[in-house]
Amino acid sequence: MLSIKDALEAIEGKWKLLILFSLTSGPRRFKQISRDVGGITDKTLSKELKLLEINKLISRDVYDTFPPTVEYALTSHGRSLERVLEELHYWGLLHRKNIIGK
């Protein structure tokens, strides 16, 4: 049971799974993630990205440009969730169809 608790704590909340799903298609900049996720404030996105980085699910790469370019990407540890994210995505599509009919 502790393993499930640990897993849920790492990805808990409204936004983390959506952010991780956005990054499954490759590295993204802050605004790209924000557009993918939709409805998240910059402050909340920044906080969630930091927490995902602390849990070693994503990496933050800063490039020496002007202005600085920052990209976020899944780490190998984060990529281990890709199958789970895909399954949740497909389950969500089926659930939506069953409940809403769309």
C-alpha atoms as a PDB file:
ATOM      1  CA  MET A   1       0.000   0.000   0.000  1.00  0.00           C
ATOM      2  CA  LEU A   2       2.839   2.435   0.670  1.00  0.00           C
ATOM      3  CA  SER A   3       3.963   2.180  -2.949  1.00  0.00           C
ATOM      4  CA  ILE A   4       0.557   3.338  -4.189  1.00  0.00           C
ATOM      5  CA  LYS A   5       0.557   6.164  -1.645  1.00  0.00           C
ATOM      6  CA  ASP A   6       4.027   7.248  -2.824  1.00  0.00           C
ATOM      7  CA  ALA A   7       2.934   7.132  -6.468  1.00  0.00           C
ATOM      8  CA  LEU A   8      -0.199   9.158  -5.815  1.00  0.00           C
ATOM      9  CA  GLU A   9       1.723  11.774  -3.838  1.00  0.00           C
ATOM     10  CA  ALA A  10       4.152  12.245  -6.748  1.00  0.00           C
ATOM     11  CA  ILE A  11       1.383  12.843  -9.298  1.00  0.00           C
ATOM     12  CA  GLU A  12      -1.468  14.150  -7.132  1.00  0.00           C
ATOM     13  CA  GLY A  13      -3.509  17.188  -8.004  1.00  0.00           C
ATOM     14  CA  LYS A  14      -5.411  18.590 -10.924  1.00  0.00           C
ATOM     15  CA  TRP A  15      -2.451  19.475 -13.148  1.00  0.00           C
ATOM     16  CA  LYS A  16       0.513  17.108 -12.804  1.00  0.00           C
ATOM     17  CA  LEU A  17      -0.809  14.317 -15.037  1.00  0.00           C
ATOM     18  CA  LEU A  18      -1.813  16.844 -17.693  1.00  0.00           C
ATOM     19  CA  ILE A  19       1.661  18.409 -17.607  1.00  0.00           C
ATOM     20  CA  LEU A  20       3.314  15.008 -17.847  1.00  0.00           C
ATOM     21  CA  PHE A  21       1.031  14.030 -20.737  1.00  0.00           C
ATOM     22  CA  SER A  22       2.004  17.251 -22.542  1.00  0.00           C
ATOM     23  CA  LEU A  23       5.666  16.292 -22.218  1.00  0.00           C
ATOM     24  CA  THR A  24       5.180  12.787 -23.638  1.00  0.00           C
ATOM     25  CA  SER A  25       5.430  14.255 -27.135  1.00  0.00           C
ATOM     26  CA  GLY A  26       8.824  15.827 -26.409  1.00  0.00           C
ATOM     27  CA  PRO A  27      10.475  18.779 -24.678  1.00  0.00           C
ATOM     28  CA  ARG A  28       8.296  21.851 -24.250  1.00  0.00           C
ATOM     29  CA  ARG A  29       8.730  25.449 -23.204  1.00  0.00           C
ATOM     30  CA  PHE A  30       6.666  26.947 -20.401  1.00  0.00           C
ATOM     31  CA  LYS A  31       4.072  28.616 -22.660  1.00  0.00           C
ATOM     32  CA  GLN A  32       3.723  25.485 -24.792  1.00  0.00           C
ATOM     33  CA  ILE A  33       2.890  23.453 -21.688  1.00  0.00           C
ATOM     34  CA  SER A  34       0.470  26.156 -20.567  1.00  0.00           C
ATOM     35  CA  ARG A  35      -1.350  26.029 -23.925  1.00  0.00           C
ATOM     36  CA  ASP A  36      -1.420  22.210 -23.918  1.00  0.00           C
ATOM     37  CA  VAL A  37      -2.841  22.032 -20.409  1.00  0.00           C
ATOM     38  CA  GLY A  38      -5.250  24.966 -20.715  1.00  0.00           C
ATOM     39  CA  GLY A  39      -6.780  26.855 -17.800  1.00  0.00           C
ATOM     40  CA  ILE A  40      -3.712  26.781 -15.573  1.00  0.00           C
ATOM     41  CA  THR A  41      -2.237  30.005 -14.212  1.00  0.00           C
ATOM     42  CA  ASP A  42       1.459  30.752 -14.720  1.00  0.00           C
ATOM     43  CA  LYS A  43       1.990  30.715 -10.950  1.00  0.00           C
ATOM     44  CA  THR A  44       0.397  27.279 -10.578  1.00  0.00           C
ATOM     45  CA  LEU A  45       2.242  25.876 -13.591  1.00  0.00           C
ATOM     46  CA  SER A  46       5.537  27.115 -12.189  1.00  0.00           C
ATOM     47  CA  LYS A  47       4.797  25.488  -8.812  1.00  0.00           C
ATOM     48  CA  GLU A  48       3.741  22.186 -10.388  1.00  0.00           C
ATOM     49  CA  LEU A  49       6.828  22.076 -12.630  1.00  0.00           C
ATOM     50  CA  LYS A  50       9.062  22.573  -9.583  1.00  0.00           C
ATOM     51  CA  LEU A  51       7.326  19.736  -7.731  1.00  0.00           C
ATOM     52  CA  LEU A  52       7.638  17.417 -10.739  1.00  0.00           C
ATOM     53  CA  GLU A  53      11.321  18.306 -10.946  1.00  0.00           C
ATOM     54  CA  ILE A  54      11.806  17.579  -7.238  1.00  0.00           C
ATOM     55  CA  ASN A  55      10.240  14.142  -7.825  1.00  0.00           C
ATOM     56  CA  LYS A  56      12.671  13.626 -10.728  1.00  0.00           C
ATOM     57  CA  LEU A  57       9.851  13.170 -13.229  1.00  0.00           C
ATOM     58  CA  ILE A  58      10.932  16.110 -15.401  1.00  0.00           C
ATOM     59  CA  SER A  59      14.123  17.996 -16.128  1.00  0.00           C
ATOM     60  CA  ARG A  60      14.561  21.729 -16.650  1.00  0.00           C
ATOM     61  CA  ASP A  61      17.167  22.779 -19.203  1.00  0.00           C
ATOM     62  CA  VAL A  62      18.249  26.407 -19.503  1.00  0.00           C
ATOM     63  CA  TYR A  63      19.951  27.444 -22.754  1.00  0.00           C
ATOM     64  CA  ASP A  64      22.362  30.348 -23.002  1.00  0.00           C
ATOM     65  CA  THR A  65      20.347  32.593 -25.299  1.00  0.00           C
ATOM     66  CA  PHE A  66      18.935  36.086 -24.953  1.00  0.00           C
ATOM     67  CA  PRO A  67      16.417  35.955 -23.447  1.00  0.00           C
ATOM     68  CA  PRO A  68      17.223  32.612 -21.800  1.00  0.00           C
ATOM     69  CA  THR A  69      15.389  29.632 -23.267  1.00  0.00           C
ATOM     70  CA  VAL A  70      14.037  27.096 -20.787  1.00  0.00           C
ATOM     71  CA  GLU A  71      12.745  23.684 -21.828  1.00  0.00           C
ATOM     72  CA  TYR A  72      11.110  20.998 -19.754  1.00  0.00           C
ATOM     73  CA  ALA A  73      11.311  17.306 -20.630  1.00  0.00           C
ATOM     74  CA  LEU A  74      10.470  13.965 -19.120  1.00  0.00           C
ATOM     75  CA  THR A  75      13.359  12.240 -17.379  1.00  0.00           C
ATOM     76  CA  SER A  76      13.860   8.518 -17.821  1.00  0.00           C
ATOM     77  CA  HIS A  77      12.005   8.133 -14.518  1.00  0.00           C
ATOM     78  CA  GLY A  78       9.176  10.291 -15.880  1.00  0.00           C
ATOM     79  CA  ARG A  79       9.095   8.320 -19.137  1.00  0.00           C
ATOM     80  CA  SER A  80       8.363   5.226 -17.075  1.00  0.00           C
ATOM     81  CA  LEU A  81       4.872   6.745 -16.621  1.00  0.00           C
ATOM     82  CA  GLU A  82       4.178   7.033 -20.368  1.00  0.00           C
ATOM     83  CA  ARG A  83       2.289   3.745 -20.571  1.00  0.00           C
ATOM     84  CA  VAL A  84       0.182   4.722 -17.552  1.00  0.00           C
ATOM     85  CA  LEU A  85      -0.545   8.135 -19.103  1.00  0.00           C
ATOM     86  CA  GLU A  86      -1.542   6.579 -22.426  1.00  0.00           C
ATOM     87  CA  GLU A  87      -3.851   4.118 -20.683  1.00  0.00           C
ATOM     88  CA  LEU A  88      -5.438   6.951 -18.666  1.00  0.00           C
ATOM     89  CA  HIS A  89      -5.883   8.926 -21.896  1.00  0.00           C
ATOM     90  CA  TYR A  90      -7.673   6.053 -23.645  1.00  0.00           C
ATOM     91  CA  TRP A  91      -9.717   5.199 -20.577  1.00  0.00           C
ATOM     92  CA  GLY A  92     -10.747   8.869 -20.346  1.00  0.00           C
ATOM     93  CA  LEU A  93     -11.902   8.815 -23.972  1.00  0.00           C
ATOM     94  CA  LEU A  94     -14.032   5.713 -23.301  1.00  0.00           C
ATOM     95  CA  HIS A  95     -15.354   7.143 -20.044  1.00  0.00           C
ATOM     96  CA  ARG A  96     -16.294  10.417 -21.745  1.00  0.00           C
ATOM     97  CA  LYS A  97     -18.083   8.499 -24.502  1.00  0.00           C
ATOM     98  CA  ASN A  98     -19.981   6.345 -21.991  1.00  0.00           C
ATOM     99  CA  ILE A  99     -20.981   9.256 -19.757  1.00  0.00           C
ATOM    100  CA  ILE A 100     -21.434  12.147 -22.159  1.00  0.00           C
ATOM    101  CA  GLY A 101     -21.814  10.335 -25.452  1.00  0.00           C
ATOM    102  CA  LYS A 102     -18.978  12.305 -27.128  1.00  0.00           C
END
